Structures are given as C-alpha cells and as structure tokens.
Amino acid sequence: MRIITFDSIVTAVTELCGRAACDLPPDVLAALKRAKAAESGELAQDFFDQYLRNADLAATARLPLCQDTGFAVFFAELGRDAMLDRGTLYEALTAGVRAGYKKFYLRKSIVADPLFDRKNTTDNTPVILHLKQVDGDALKLVLAPKGGGSENMSALKMLKPSEGRNGVVDFVVDAVVRAGGNPCPPTVVGVGIGGTAEYAAYMAKNALLREIGAPSPDPRYAELEAEILQKINASGVGAQGLGGNTTALAVHIEFHPCHLASLPVAVNLNCHAARHAEVVL
C-alpha cells in the first residue's frame, strides 16, 4: 500500500489552481488557431485574435484567463493500492483550493446557500468532487474550473426512446443555438447520453476533458459528434454570438447503458477558454 500525504495533495492542488486559471491547454490553443484560419468573417477573426492574445498574456503575466475563475470541480482517480496518511481527499482538495485561490488572487465566486443565504464563502469552497477508484497506487487529479456563464447554459432532457438519433441531434443543437453568446462561444460541447438523469449530466461535464478533436472511440458516436458539430456551426451563432463560421470547437459524447423506458441526454458547455489542468501524485 502506497501512502500519499495529505500535505502533498494540498500543495499540488494549490499550484493546480494557478495553472488551471492561467494556462490554456495546448489542444484548446490549437483548436482556436484552426478556427481562426477557417473563419471568413472579419469580426469573428478579430475575436479569435483577442482570444489568442488573452491566452498569451494570461500565461506570461500569470493572470486569470477570465475574471470568473469558476467553481472548483475535480475529477479524481484514486488507485486501490493508495491511501492518505490522514484526513480525506475531499478535505485535502478543499484546503488546496482555499490556499490556491488566495495565492493566485483568483476571484471567489461561491455562495454558501443557493437560495436563502447567498453570502460569499470568501475562499471559493466547497469544491465539487467526482471520485473514481482505479487500479494502481497513484492519485490523478483534474481540476476543471466551471464559470457561471457556461454552466448556466447546461441542459437536460429525458427523451422518449422512440425519438432516437434525430431527437438527440435536435435537442443538442437547439441547446447550443439557444445559448447564443451567453457561454462565450466558440464552445466545447459535452454531451452525455444514457444512464440516469444525474449520470448523463456527469458524463456531459466529463466529456469536456477529452482532447479537442479526438473523436469518440466508438465510430457510431464519432459520426454523431461530427453531424452535431456541423449543424451547430451551420447555425451562424459564431464567436461571442455575433456571427461566424465556428460556434463550437468540438462536440464530445459519452454514453452509458440506460433503462429501456428512458433516453436521458445532457449538454454541458465550456467557453472558448476551456480550462483544465491535471497532476498525478
């Protein structure tokens, strides 16, 4: 059994907060450059220039890519042959976020109660943790800060199984088009199909972590991703919702077995600053 210290997790997460807020992943940068090259509209091209300049300034000056530094959402994989020396993983992540958002001067955006007592917690905690147990003795952490603008455009629909492929396509495309400029497009579109209502929503968010442009390993779903992306980009919503050839950089689908009476479909969007960073301990 390998021991991972509580303090090492706190230290790693503290730094992860800065990386996730300031460094746009290479696949996102490459996708933005490809979209700019394919863009015919002058206004949209100007937006892409701004996106790329912003990413360069953020990385160089160690400033956040966006003023909304998001809800701290973690996707963790803990090896079954690993354990913490003390405390819980949730407590360590919370301590790391508390320290990281302070160290890097990141905006604190979390309110303690969603309805009756919307007072800021002042340290961007609590965190959201999705934990999976895997083989091995390592701990993999992915931090995906989720801003309010893109998260607010999430959508879930319990389709009838008879609505099938066309129902899925229509729902996803409509969700992205109706979102308009609110999620700061071009977006990355995560889609979860199957499971239950809450699991479809989880899959949609998890799908955002896939490398942009990497198709689903299942050729049927890869074809569906391509079809949905084509229809979204044909909508003309474009960069910042002001027109153009690229409304979405990619569509990523995850799927899971579901009840014979159900066809859950969820959509989760990332803005053009599709932030995430990972570390393995």
Protein backbone atom coordinates (compact mmCIF):
# COMPACT_ATOMS: atom_id res chain seq x y z
CA MET A 1 0.00 0.00 0.00
CA ARG A 2 1.43 3.38 -1.05
CA ILE A 3 0.89 6.34 1.26
CA ILE A 4 0.10 9.74 -0.26
CA THR A 5 0.43 12.55 2.22
CA PHE A 6 -2.37 14.99 2.89
CA ASP A 7 0.07 17.89 2.68
CA SER A 8 1.38 16.82 -0.75
CA ILE A 9 -2.17 16.93 -2.11
CA VAL A 10 -2.76 20.39 -0.64
CA THR A 11 0.48 21.68 -2.20
CA ALA A 12 -0.29 20.14 -5.60
CA VAL A 13 -3.84 21.50 -5.66
CA THR A 14 -2.65 24.97 -4.65
CA GLU A 15 -0.45 25.09 -7.76
CA LEU A 16 -3.13 23.41 -9.87
CA CYS A 17 -5.46 26.32 -9.18
CA GLY A 18 -2.96 28.73 -10.73
CA ARG A 19 -2.28 26.55 -13.75
CA ALA A 20 -5.97 25.94 -14.46
CA ALA A 21 -6.79 29.65 -14.20
CA CYS A 22 -3.85 30.99 -16.24
CA ASP A 23 -2.75 28.36 -18.77
CA LEU A 24 -4.98 27.41 -21.68
CA PRO A 25 -4.30 23.75 -22.57
CA PRO A 26 -2.35 23.18 -25.83
CA ASP A 27 -5.25 21.38 -27.53
CA VAL A 28 -7.55 24.36 -26.89
CA LEU A 29 -4.98 26.81 -28.27
CA ALA A 30 -4.53 24.65 -31.37
CA ALA A 31 -8.31 24.46 -31.89
CA LEU A 32 -8.66 28.24 -31.64
CA LYS A 33 -5.89 28.71 -34.22
CA ARG A 34 -7.56 26.24 -36.61
CA ALA A 35 -10.89 28.03 -36.18
CA LYS A 36 -9.31 31.41 -36.87
CA ALA A 37 -7.74 30.08 -40.08
CA ALA A 38 -11.12 28.78 -41.24
CA GLU A 39 -13.05 31.92 -40.29
CA SER A 40 -14.31 34.16 -43.10
CA GLY A 41 -15.89 36.92 -41.05
CA GLU A 42 -13.75 39.93 -40.17
CA LEU A 43 -15.42 40.48 -36.79
CA ALA A 44 -15.10 36.81 -35.84
CA GLN A 45 -11.43 36.80 -36.86
CA ASP A 46 -10.88 39.79 -34.59
CA PHE A 47 -12.41 37.86 -31.70
CA PHE A 48 -10.08 34.93 -32.34
CA ASP A 49 -7.12 37.31 -32.32
CA GLN A 50 -8.29 38.60 -28.94
CA TYR A 51 -8.72 35.07 -27.57
CA LEU A 52 -5.16 34.16 -28.55
CA ARG A 53 -3.68 37.41 -27.22
CA ASN A 54 -5.57 36.93 -23.97
CA ALA A 55 -4.19 33.40 -23.61
CA ASP A 56 -0.65 34.64 -24.20
CA LEU A 57 -1.00 37.49 -21.70
CA ALA A 58 -2.55 35.21 -19.08
CA ALA A 59 0.24 32.66 -19.36
CA THR A 60 3.03 35.26 -19.40
CA ALA A 61 1.75 37.56 -16.65
CA ARG A 62 0.19 34.71 -14.58
CA LEU A 63 -3.21 36.34 -14.68
CA PRO A 64 -6.55 34.52 -14.96
CA LEU A 65 -7.83 33.82 -18.47
CA CYS A 66 -11.23 35.05 -17.30
CA GLN A 67 -12.38 37.11 -14.33
CA ASP A 68 -14.81 34.30 -13.49
CA THR A 69 -12.38 31.78 -12.03
CA GLY A 70 -15.19 29.33 -11.54
CA PHE A 71 -16.42 26.60 -9.25
CA ALA A 72 -13.56 24.20 -8.43
CA VAL A 73 -14.69 20.90 -9.97
CA PHE A 74 -12.37 17.92 -9.53
CA PHE A 75 -12.30 14.61 -11.39
CA ALA A 76 -10.15 12.26 -9.32
CA GLU A 77 -8.88 8.73 -9.92
CA LEU A 78 -7.52 7.06 -6.78
CA GLY A 79 -5.61 3.80 -7.11
CA ARG A 80 -6.89 0.98 -4.93
CA ASP A 81 -3.34 0.45 -3.63
CA ALA A 82 -3.01 4.04 -2.41
CA MET A 83 -4.24 5.75 0.74
CA LEU A 84 -3.89 9.08 2.51
CA ASP A 85 -1.79 9.38 5.64
CA ARG A 86 -4.57 11.38 7.30
CA GLY A 87 -7.84 13.11 6.60
CA THR A 88 -9.96 12.66 3.48
CA LEU A 89 -9.34 13.52 -0.15
CA TYR A 90 -12.22 15.99 -0.04
CA GLU A 91 -10.64 17.80 2.90
CA ALA A 92 -7.28 17.97 1.14
CA LEU A 93 -8.82 19.36 -2.06
CA THR A 94 -10.74 21.93 -0.05
CA ALA A 95 -7.57 23.08 1.74
CA GLY A 96 -5.70 23.26 -1.57
CA VAL A 97 -8.38 25.37 -3.24
CA ARG A 98 -8.58 27.66 -0.24
CA ALA A 99 -4.81 28.23 -0.46
CA GLY A 100 -4.63 28.36 -4.26
CA TYR A 101 -7.38 30.91 -4.78
CA LYS A 102 -5.69 33.13 -2.19
CA LYS A 103 -2.14 32.67 -3.54
CA PHE A 104 -3.04 33.47 -7.14
CA TYR A 105 -5.57 36.21 -6.33
CA LEU A 106 -8.42 34.37 -8.02
CA ARG A 107 -11.97 35.62 -7.69
CA LYS A 108 -14.03 33.84 -5.06
CA SER A 109 -17.40 33.05 -6.58
CA ILE A 110 -19.19 30.58 -4.30
CA VAL A 111 -22.18 31.47 -2.12
CA ALA A 112 -22.95 29.40 0.98
CA ASP A 113 -26.62 28.81 0.25
CA PRO A 114 -28.19 28.75 -3.22
CA LEU A 115 -31.46 30.40 -2.25
CA PHE A 116 -31.86 31.87 1.23
CA ASP A 117 -28.38 32.98 2.30
CA ARG A 118 -26.34 33.88 -0.76
CA LYS A 119 -23.30 35.07 1.15
CA ASN A 120 -19.86 34.54 -0.36
CA THR A 121 -17.85 31.81 1.38
CA THR A 122 -14.79 34.04 0.75
CA ASP A 123 -12.41 31.19 -0.22
CA ASN A 124 -14.14 29.57 -3.23
CA THR A 125 -15.00 26.47 -1.25
CA PRO A 126 -16.61 23.99 -1.01
CA VAL A 127 -15.37 22.04 -4.01
CA ILE A 128 -17.13 19.51 -6.22
CA LEU A 129 -15.50 16.07 -6.30
CA HIS A 130 -16.14 13.23 -8.75
CA LEU A 131 -14.12 10.28 -7.46
CA LYS A 132 -13.37 7.02 -9.24
CA GLN A 133 -11.38 4.08 -7.85
CA VAL A 134 -8.95 2.54 -10.33
CA ASP A 135 -6.09 0.05 -10.40
CA GLY A 136 -2.62 1.13 -9.26
CA ASP A 137 -1.22 3.24 -6.45
CA ALA A 138 -1.40 6.77 -7.86
CA LEU A 139 -3.77 9.69 -7.47
CA LYS A 140 -4.74 11.59 -10.61
CA LEU A 141 -6.46 14.94 -10.17
CA VAL A 142 -8.05 17.03 -12.90
CA LEU A 143 -9.27 20.48 -11.93
CA ALA A 144 -11.82 21.95 -14.32
CA PRO A 145 -12.93 25.38 -13.02
CA LYS A 146 -16.50 25.98 -14.18
CA GLY A 147 -17.66 29.54 -14.75
CA GLY A 148 -21.27 30.60 -14.31
CA GLY A 149 -21.84 31.81 -17.86
CA SER A 150 -21.21 28.45 -19.48
CA GLU A 151 -22.65 26.35 -16.63
CA ASN A 152 -25.92 28.31 -16.80
CA MET A 153 -26.42 27.08 -20.36
CA SER A 154 -26.45 23.41 -19.32
CA ALA A 155 -29.46 21.39 -20.42
CA LEU A 156 -31.03 18.02 -19.64
CA LYS A 157 -33.90 16.26 -21.34
CA MET A 158 -35.43 12.87 -20.78
CA LEU A 159 -36.23 11.88 -24.35
CA LYS A 160 -38.58 9.09 -25.29
CA PRO A 161 -36.57 6.16 -26.69
CA SER A 162 -38.64 6.44 -29.88
CA GLU A 163 -37.14 9.91 -30.52
CA GLY A 164 -33.83 8.18 -31.19
CA ARG A 165 -30.90 9.71 -33.04
CA ASN A 166 -32.83 12.60 -34.57
CA GLY A 167 -34.20 13.57 -31.18
CA VAL A 168 -30.72 13.64 -29.70
CA VAL A 169 -29.33 15.75 -32.56
CA ASP A 170 -32.21 18.23 -32.43
CA PHE A 171 -32.00 18.65 -28.66
CA VAL A 172 -28.23 19.21 -28.54
CA VAL A 173 -28.16 21.62 -31.48
CA ASP A 174 -31.12 23.56 -30.10
CA ALA A 175 -29.50 23.82 -26.66
CA VAL A 176 -26.31 25.31 -28.12
CA VAL A 177 -28.11 27.68 -30.50
CA ARG A 178 -30.47 28.90 -27.77
CA ALA A 179 -27.45 29.58 -25.56
CA GLY A 180 -26.33 32.14 -28.15
CA GLY A 181 -23.48 34.31 -26.92
CA ASN A 182 -24.07 33.61 -23.21
CA PRO A 183 -21.38 30.90 -22.85
CA CYS A 184 -18.80 33.00 -24.79
CA PRO A 185 -18.57 30.83 -27.91
CA PRO A 186 -16.95 29.14 -29.65
CA THR A 187 -17.72 26.46 -27.11
CA VAL A 188 -16.71 22.90 -26.44
CA VAL A 189 -19.92 20.88 -26.25
CA GLY A 190 -20.04 17.97 -23.83
CA VAL A 191 -22.91 15.51 -24.29
CA GLY A 192 -23.95 12.65 -22.02
CA ILE A 193 -26.33 10.05 -23.42
CA GLY A 194 -27.86 7.27 -21.34
CA GLY A 195 -27.53 6.26 -17.71
CA THR A 196 -29.87 8.23 -15.46
CA ALA A 197 -30.60 11.94 -15.27
CA GLU A 198 -27.72 12.72 -12.89
CA TYR A 199 -25.28 10.38 -14.63
CA ALA A 200 -25.99 11.89 -18.05
CA ALA A 201 -25.15 15.31 -16.58
CA TYR A 202 -21.90 13.95 -15.11
CA MET A 203 -20.91 12.39 -18.45
CA ALA A 204 -21.58 15.64 -20.29
CA LYS A 205 -19.21 17.53 -17.99
CA ASN A 206 -16.58 14.78 -18.01
CA ALA A 207 -16.68 14.73 -21.83
CA LEU A 208 -15.30 18.28 -21.84
CA LEU A 209 -11.95 16.93 -20.63
CA ARG A 210 -11.26 14.92 -23.79
CA GLU A 211 -8.59 16.33 -26.08
CA ILE A 212 -10.29 18.64 -28.57
CA GLY A 213 -10.65 16.99 -31.95
CA ALA A 214 -10.17 13.45 -30.65
CA PRO A 215 -13.29 11.57 -31.79
CA SER A 216 -15.23 9.05 -29.76
CA PRO A 217 -13.58 5.61 -29.90
CA ASP A 218 -16.96 4.23 -30.98
CA PRO A 219 -17.35 5.03 -34.72
CA ARG A 220 -21.13 5.40 -34.39
CA TYR A 221 -20.75 8.12 -31.79
CA ALA A 222 -17.83 9.69 -33.64
CA GLU A 223 -20.13 10.07 -36.65
CA LEU A 224 -22.83 11.54 -34.41
CA GLU A 225 -20.34 14.04 -32.95
CA ALA A 226 -19.38 15.17 -36.44
CA GLU A 227 -23.00 15.57 -37.50
CA ILE A 228 -23.94 17.62 -34.45
CA LEU A 229 -20.85 19.82 -34.80
CA GLN A 230 -21.63 20.51 -38.45
CA LYS A 231 -25.20 21.53 -37.63
CA ILE A 232 -24.11 23.74 -34.72
CA ASN A 233 -21.54 25.55 -36.86
CA ALA A 234 -24.04 25.97 -39.67
CA SER A 235 -26.28 27.91 -37.28
CA GLY A 236 -24.24 31.10 -37.69
CA VAL A 237 -24.19 31.92 -33.96
CA GLY A 238 -20.42 32.31 -34.19
CA ALA A 239 -17.83 33.86 -31.91
CA GLN A 240 -19.40 35.66 -28.94
CA GLY A 241 -22.79 35.07 -30.57
CA LEU A 242 -22.14 37.75 -33.18
CA GLY A 243 -21.88 35.54 -36.26
CA GLY A 244 -19.23 33.44 -37.92
CA ASN A 245 -18.26 30.00 -39.14
CA THR A 246 -17.39 28.49 -35.75
CA THR A 247 -19.92 28.28 -32.94
CA ALA A 248 -18.33 25.18 -31.38
CA LEU A 249 -14.77 23.90 -31.47
CA ALA A 250 -15.81 20.30 -30.83
CA VAL A 251 -18.63 18.02 -29.73
CA HIS A 252 -17.65 15.24 -27.33
CA ILE A 253 -20.11 12.47 -26.45
CA GLU A 254 -20.00 9.96 -23.61
CA PHE A 255 -22.62 7.22 -23.35
CA HIS A 256 -23.79 4.60 -20.85
CA PRO A 257 -26.41 1.83 -20.71
CA CYS A 258 -29.84 3.06 -19.68
CA HIS A 259 -33.31 1.85 -18.72
CA LEU A 260 -35.39 0.52 -21.61
CA ALA A 261 -38.00 3.22 -20.94
CA SER A 262 -35.50 6.10 -20.94
CA LEU A 263 -33.20 8.10 -23.17
CA PRO A 264 -31.53 10.77 -21.00
CA VAL A 265 -29.48 13.42 -22.81
CA ALA A 266 -27.47 16.16 -21.10
CA VAL A 267 -25.46 19.06 -22.51
CA ASN A 268 -22.65 20.93 -20.74
CA LEU A 269 -20.66 23.73 -22.36
CA ASN A 270 -17.19 25.17 -21.92
CA CYS A 271 -16.46 28.63 -23.24
CA HIS A 272 -13.58 29.26 -25.64
CA ALA A 273 -11.28 29.38 -22.59
CA ALA A 274 -11.82 25.68 -21.91
CA ARG A 275 -9.79 25.50 -18.71
CA HIS A 276 -8.50 22.36 -17.02
CA ALA A 277 -5.23 21.16 -15.55
CA GLU A 278 -4.11 17.85 -14.07
CA VAL A 279 -1.49 16.37 -11.79
CA VAL A 280 -0.56 12.80 -10.86
CA LEU A 281 0.76 12.05 -7.37
